[in-house]
Amino acid sequence: MTDGQAAAVLGALADPTRLAMLRHLVRAGPEGAAAGTSAEAVGATPSRASFHLKALERAGLVTCRRDGRSMIYAARMDALGAVISHIVDDCCAGSPALRACCR
């Protein structure tokens, strides 16, 4: 991951509603959650939730699939892991003992 890619992902998380939605989807696990359920979980209107979920999808942080009439979103744990790893790669001067704080 490049610094530019990491900045784009972190930029998507700079909004409190998007961060709350991503955290909700992480808690939902690999099966994900319907857009309406995510909206309710963070106190957003359905249209506002859709806007934020699309931003998270564009940033590569969530996937979306249709299930009947519902749109199901799921957190991409691989993408989250990649950005976290990118940030902490140089943590604590590379000392394994000091990097334990980042696990």
N, C-alpha and C. Protein backbone atom coordinates (compact mmCIF):
# COMPACT_ATOMS: atom_id res chain seq x y z
N MET A 1 0.85 -1.17 0.00
CA MET A 1 0.00 0.00 0.00
C MET A 1 0.89 1.23 0.00
N THR A 2 0.52 2.21 -0.79
CA THR A 2 1.28 3.46 -0.85
C THR A 2 0.72 4.44 0.17
N ASP A 3 1.49 5.49 0.43
CA ASP A 3 0.99 6.54 1.32
C ASP A 3 -0.29 7.16 0.76
N GLY A 4 -0.34 7.33 -0.56
CA GLY A 4 -1.53 7.91 -1.18
C GLY A 4 -2.76 7.05 -1.00
N GLN A 5 -2.59 5.74 -1.14
CA GLN A 5 -3.72 4.83 -0.93
C GLN A 5 -4.17 4.85 0.52
N ALA A 6 -3.21 4.86 1.43
CA ALA A 6 -3.55 4.91 2.86
C ALA A 6 -4.28 6.21 3.18
N ALA A 7 -3.82 7.32 2.61
CA ALA A 7 -4.46 8.61 2.85
C ALA A 7 -5.90 8.61 2.34
N ALA A 8 -6.15 7.98 1.20
CA ALA A 8 -7.51 7.92 0.66
C ALA A 8 -8.43 7.12 1.59
N VAL A 9 -7.92 6.01 2.10
CA VAL A 9 -8.72 5.18 3.01
C VAL A 9 -8.98 5.95 4.30
N LEU A 10 -7.95 6.56 4.85
CA LEU A 10 -8.13 7.30 6.10
C LEU A 10 -9.03 8.51 5.90
N GLY A 11 -8.97 9.12 4.72
CA GLY A 11 -9.86 10.24 4.41
C GLY A 11 -11.32 9.81 4.45
N ALA A 12 -11.59 8.61 3.96
CA ALA A 12 -12.96 8.09 3.99
C ALA A 12 -13.43 7.89 5.42
N LEU A 13 -12.51 7.62 6.32
CA LEU A 13 -12.86 7.39 7.72
C LEU A 13 -12.86 8.66 8.56
N ALA A 14 -12.57 9.79 7.93
CA ALA A 14 -12.51 11.06 8.66
C ALA A 14 -13.89 11.57 9.05
N ASP A 15 -14.94 10.98 8.52
CA ASP A 15 -16.30 11.38 8.87
C ASP A 15 -16.81 10.48 9.99
N PRO A 16 -17.33 11.07 11.08
CA PRO A 16 -17.78 10.26 12.22
C PRO A 16 -18.87 9.24 11.86
N THR A 17 -19.78 9.59 10.97
CA THR A 17 -20.83 8.65 10.59
C THR A 17 -20.25 7.47 9.83
N ARG A 18 -19.32 7.73 8.91
CA ARG A 18 -18.70 6.63 8.16
C ARG A 18 -17.90 5.73 9.09
N LEU A 19 -17.18 6.32 10.02
CA LEU A 19 -16.42 5.52 10.97
C LEU A 19 -17.36 4.64 11.80
N ALA A 20 -18.47 5.22 12.26
CA ALA A 20 -19.44 4.45 13.04
C ALA A 20 -20.05 3.32 12.20
N MET A 21 -20.32 3.60 10.94
CA MET A 21 -20.89 2.56 10.07
C MET A 21 -19.89 1.44 9.84
N LEU A 22 -18.63 1.79 9.63
CA LEU A 22 -17.62 0.75 9.44
C LEU A 22 -17.48 -0.09 10.70
N ARG A 23 -17.47 0.54 11.85
CA ARG A 23 -17.37 -0.21 13.11
C ARG A 23 -18.57 -1.14 13.27
N HIS A 24 -19.75 -0.66 12.90
CA HIS A 24 -20.95 -1.50 12.95
C HIS A 24 -20.78 -2.72 12.03
N LEU A 25 -20.26 -2.50 10.83
CA LEU A 25 -20.08 -3.61 9.89
C LEU A 25 -19.00 -4.58 10.35
N VAL A 26 -17.97 -4.08 11.01
CA VAL A 26 -16.95 -4.97 11.57
C VAL A 26 -17.60 -5.87 12.62
N ARG A 27 -18.44 -5.29 13.47
CA ARG A 27 -19.13 -6.09 14.49
C ARG A 27 -20.11 -7.08 13.86
N ALA A 28 -20.67 -6.74 12.71
CA ALA A 28 -21.63 -7.63 12.04
C ALA A 28 -20.95 -8.88 11.50
N GLY A 29 -19.65 -8.84 11.31
CA GLY A 29 -18.93 -10.01 10.84
C GLY A 29 -18.99 -10.18 9.34
N PRO A 30 -18.51 -11.31 8.85
CA PRO A 30 -18.40 -11.52 7.41
C PRO A 30 -19.73 -11.53 6.66
N GLU A 31 -20.82 -11.86 7.35
CA GLU A 31 -22.12 -11.86 6.68
C GLU A 31 -22.62 -10.45 6.40
N GLY A 32 -22.09 -9.46 7.11
CA GLY A 32 -22.46 -8.08 6.86
C GLY A 32 -23.81 -7.71 7.44
N ALA A 33 -24.32 -6.58 6.98
CA ALA A 33 -25.61 -6.08 7.46
C ALA A 33 -26.28 -5.29 6.35
N ALA A 34 -27.60 -5.29 6.38
CA ALA A 34 -28.37 -4.52 5.41
C ALA A 34 -28.14 -3.03 5.62
N ALA A 35 -28.25 -2.28 4.54
CA ALA A 35 -28.04 -0.84 4.62
C ALA A 35 -28.98 -0.21 5.64
N GLY A 36 -30.24 -0.65 5.66
CA GLY A 36 -31.20 -0.10 6.61
C GLY A 36 -30.83 -0.38 8.05
N THR A 37 -30.33 -1.57 8.31
CA THR A 37 -29.88 -1.93 9.65
C THR A 37 -28.70 -1.07 10.07
N SER A 38 -27.79 -0.84 9.14
CA SER A 38 -26.63 0.01 9.44
C SER A 38 -27.07 1.44 9.71
N ALA A 39 -28.05 1.92 8.95
CA ALA A 39 -28.57 3.27 9.16
C ALA A 39 -29.13 3.41 10.57
N GLU A 40 -29.96 2.45 10.96
CA GLU A 40 -30.54 2.48 12.30
C GLU A 40 -29.47 2.42 13.38
N ALA A 41 -28.46 1.60 13.16
CA ALA A 41 -27.41 1.41 14.17
C ALA A 41 -26.66 2.69 14.47
N VAL A 42 -26.54 3.58 13.48
CA VAL A 42 -25.77 4.81 13.70
C VAL A 42 -26.66 6.05 13.74
N GLY A 43 -27.98 5.86 13.67
CA GLY A 43 -28.90 6.99 13.75
C GLY A 43 -28.90 7.87 12.51
N ALA A 44 -28.72 7.27 11.35
CA ALA A 44 -28.71 8.02 10.09
C ALA A 44 -29.98 7.72 9.30
N THR A 45 -30.40 8.66 8.48
CA THR A 45 -31.52 8.40 7.58
C THR A 45 -31.06 7.41 6.51
N PRO A 46 -31.98 6.70 5.89
CA PRO A 46 -31.58 5.75 4.85
C PRO A 46 -30.78 6.40 3.71
N SER A 47 -31.17 7.59 3.28
CA SER A 47 -30.44 8.24 2.19
C SER A 47 -29.04 8.65 2.63
N ARG A 48 -28.92 9.12 3.85
CA ARG A 48 -27.60 9.51 4.37
C ARG A 48 -26.71 8.27 4.54
N ALA A 49 -27.29 7.19 5.02
CA ALA A 49 -26.53 5.95 5.18
C ALA A 49 -26.04 5.45 3.82
N SER A 50 -26.90 5.51 2.82
CA SER A 50 -26.51 5.08 1.47
C SER A 50 -25.33 5.89 0.97
N PHE A 51 -25.36 7.19 1.18
CA PHE A 51 -24.26 8.07 0.78
C PHE A 51 -22.95 7.64 1.44
N HIS A 52 -22.99 7.40 2.74
CA HIS A 52 -21.78 7.03 3.48
C HIS A 52 -21.31 5.63 3.12
N LEU A 53 -22.22 4.70 2.94
CA LEU A 53 -21.83 3.34 2.57
C LEU A 53 -21.17 3.31 1.20
N LYS A 54 -21.68 4.11 0.27
CA LYS A 54 -21.05 4.19 -1.06
C LYS A 54 -19.64 4.76 -0.95
N ALA A 55 -19.44 5.74 -0.07
CA ALA A 55 -18.10 6.30 0.12
C ALA A 55 -17.15 5.25 0.68
N LEU A 56 -17.63 4.44 1.61
CA LEU A 56 -16.80 3.36 2.16
C LEU A 56 -16.50 2.31 1.09
N GLU A 57 -17.47 2.05 0.23
CA GLU A 57 -17.25 1.09 -0.85
C GLU A 57 -16.22 1.63 -1.85
N ARG A 58 -16.32 2.90 -2.21
CA ARG A 58 -15.34 3.51 -3.13
C ARG A 58 -13.94 3.46 -2.55
N ALA A 59 -13.83 3.59 -1.24
CA ALA A 59 -12.52 3.55 -0.58
C ALA A 59 -11.99 2.12 -0.45
N GLY A 60 -12.81 1.14 -0.80
CA GLY A 60 -12.38 -0.26 -0.74
C GLY A 60 -12.50 -0.88 0.64
N LEU A 61 -13.24 -0.22 1.53
CA LEU A 61 -13.35 -0.71 2.91
C LEU A 61 -14.52 -1.66 3.13
N VAL A 62 -15.49 -1.64 2.23
CA VAL A 62 -16.64 -2.53 2.35
C VAL A 62 -16.98 -3.13 0.99
N THR A 63 -17.66 -4.25 1.03
CA THR A 63 -18.23 -4.85 -0.18
C THR A 63 -19.74 -4.71 -0.10
N CYS A 64 -20.37 -4.81 -1.25
CA CYS A 64 -21.83 -4.69 -1.31
C CYS A 64 -22.37 -5.79 -2.21
N ARG A 65 -23.47 -6.40 -1.75
CA ARG A 65 -24.14 -7.41 -2.57
C ARG A 65 -25.64 -7.27 -2.37
N ARG A 66 -26.37 -7.64 -3.39
CA ARG A 66 -27.83 -7.58 -3.30
C ARG A 66 -28.35 -8.90 -2.74
N ASP A 67 -29.31 -8.80 -1.83
CA ASP A 67 -30.00 -9.97 -1.29
C ASP A 67 -31.49 -9.65 -1.36
N GLY A 68 -32.13 -10.09 -2.44
CA GLY A 68 -33.53 -9.72 -2.64
C GLY A 68 -33.63 -8.23 -2.90
N ARG A 69 -34.38 -7.54 -2.06
CA ARG A 69 -34.52 -6.09 -2.19
C ARG A 69 -33.53 -5.33 -1.34
N SER A 70 -32.73 -6.03 -0.56
CA SER A 70 -31.79 -5.38 0.35
C SER A 70 -30.38 -5.33 -0.23
N MET A 71 -29.66 -4.30 0.13
CA MET A 71 -28.24 -4.20 -0.17
C MET A 71 -27.50 -4.55 1.11
N ILE A 72 -26.64 -5.56 1.03
CA ILE A 72 -25.90 -6.04 2.19
C ILE A 72 -24.46 -5.56 2.07
N TYR A 73 -23.99 -4.88 3.09
CA TYR A 73 -22.62 -4.38 3.13
C TYR A 73 -21.83 -5.17 4.17
N ALA A 74 -20.57 -5.44 3.84
CA ALA A 74 -19.69 -6.15 4.78
C ALA A 74 -18.33 -5.47 4.78
N ALA A 75 -17.72 -5.40 5.95
CA ALA A 75 -16.39 -4.81 6.08
C ALA A 75 -15.36 -5.70 5.40
N ARG A 76 -14.41 -5.09 4.73
CA ARG A 76 -13.29 -5.82 4.12
C ARG A 76 -12.14 -5.81 5.12
N MET A 77 -12.06 -6.87 5.89
CA MET A 77 -11.03 -6.94 6.93
C MET A 77 -9.63 -6.93 6.33
N ASP A 78 -9.47 -7.46 5.12
CA ASP A 78 -8.16 -7.43 4.47
C ASP A 78 -7.73 -6.00 4.19
N ALA A 79 -8.67 -5.15 3.77
CA ALA A 79 -8.35 -3.75 3.49
C ALA A 79 -8.02 -3.00 4.78
N LEU A 80 -8.78 -3.27 5.83
CA LEU A 80 -8.49 -2.64 7.12
C LEU A 80 -7.11 -3.06 7.62
N GLY A 81 -6.82 -4.35 7.51
CA GLY A 81 -5.52 -4.85 7.93
C GLY A 81 -4.38 -4.22 7.15
N ALA A 82 -4.60 -4.01 5.85
CA ALA A 82 -3.56 -3.42 5.01
C ALA A 82 -3.23 -2.00 5.43
N VAL A 83 -4.26 -1.21 5.71
CA VAL A 83 -3.99 0.19 6.09
C VAL A 83 -3.38 0.26 7.48
N ILE A 84 -3.83 -0.59 8.38
CA ILE A 84 -3.24 -0.61 9.73
C ILE A 84 -1.78 -1.04 9.65
N SER A 85 -1.50 -2.07 8.88
CA SER A 85 -0.11 -2.52 8.71
C SER A 85 0.75 -1.43 8.11
N HIS A 86 0.21 -0.72 7.13
CA HIS A 86 0.98 0.36 6.50
C HIS A 86 1.35 1.44 7.52
N ILE A 87 0.43 1.74 8.41
CA ILE A 87 0.67 2.78 9.41
C ILE A 87 1.71 2.33 10.43
N VAL A 88 1.65 1.09 10.87
CA VAL A 88 2.53 0.64 11.96
C VAL A 88 3.80 -0.03 11.48
N ASP A 89 4.00 -0.15 10.16
CA ASP A 89 5.21 -0.80 9.65
C ASP A 89 6.49 -0.22 10.25
N ASP A 90 6.52 1.06 10.43
CA ASP A 90 7.73 1.71 10.95
C ASP A 90 7.62 2.01 12.45
N CYS A 91 6.60 1.46 13.08
CA CYS A 91 6.35 1.72 14.49
C CYS A 91 7.53 1.29 15.37
N CYS A 92 7.86 2.12 16.30
CA CYS A 92 8.81 1.79 17.35
C CYS A 92 10.17 1.34 16.80
N ALA A 93 10.60 1.95 15.73
CA ALA A 93 11.91 1.69 15.12
C ALA A 93 12.10 0.21 14.77
N GLY A 94 11.00 -0.49 14.50
CA GLY A 94 11.09 -1.88 14.08
C GLY A 94 11.39 -2.87 15.19
N SER A 95 11.46 -2.43 16.42
CA SER A 95 11.76 -3.32 17.54
C SER A 95 10.57 -4.24 17.82
N PRO A 96 10.74 -5.56 17.72
CA PRO A 96 9.63 -6.47 17.98
C PRO A 96 9.04 -6.30 19.38
N ALA A 97 9.88 -6.05 20.35
CA ALA A 97 9.38 -5.89 21.72
C ALA A 97 8.50 -4.65 21.85
N LEU A 98 8.92 -3.57 21.21
CA LEU A 98 8.14 -2.34 21.29
C LEU A 98 6.89 -2.40 20.42
N ARG A 99 6.95 -3.15 19.31
CA ARG A 99 5.81 -3.23 18.40
C ARG A 99 4.66 -4.05 18.98
N ALA A 100 4.88 -4.72 20.09
CA ALA A 100 3.82 -5.51 20.70
C ALA A 100 2.60 -4.65 21.01
N CYS A 101 2.81 -3.36 21.20
CA CYS A 101 1.70 -2.45 21.48
C CYS A 101 0.76 -2.35 20.29
N CYS A 102 1.23 -2.69 19.12
CA CYS A 102 0.44 -2.52 17.88
C CYS A 102 -0.29 -3.78 17.47
N ARG A 103 -0.30 -4.78 18.27
CA ARG A 103 -0.97 -6.04 17.90
C ARG A 103 -2.27 -6.19 18.60
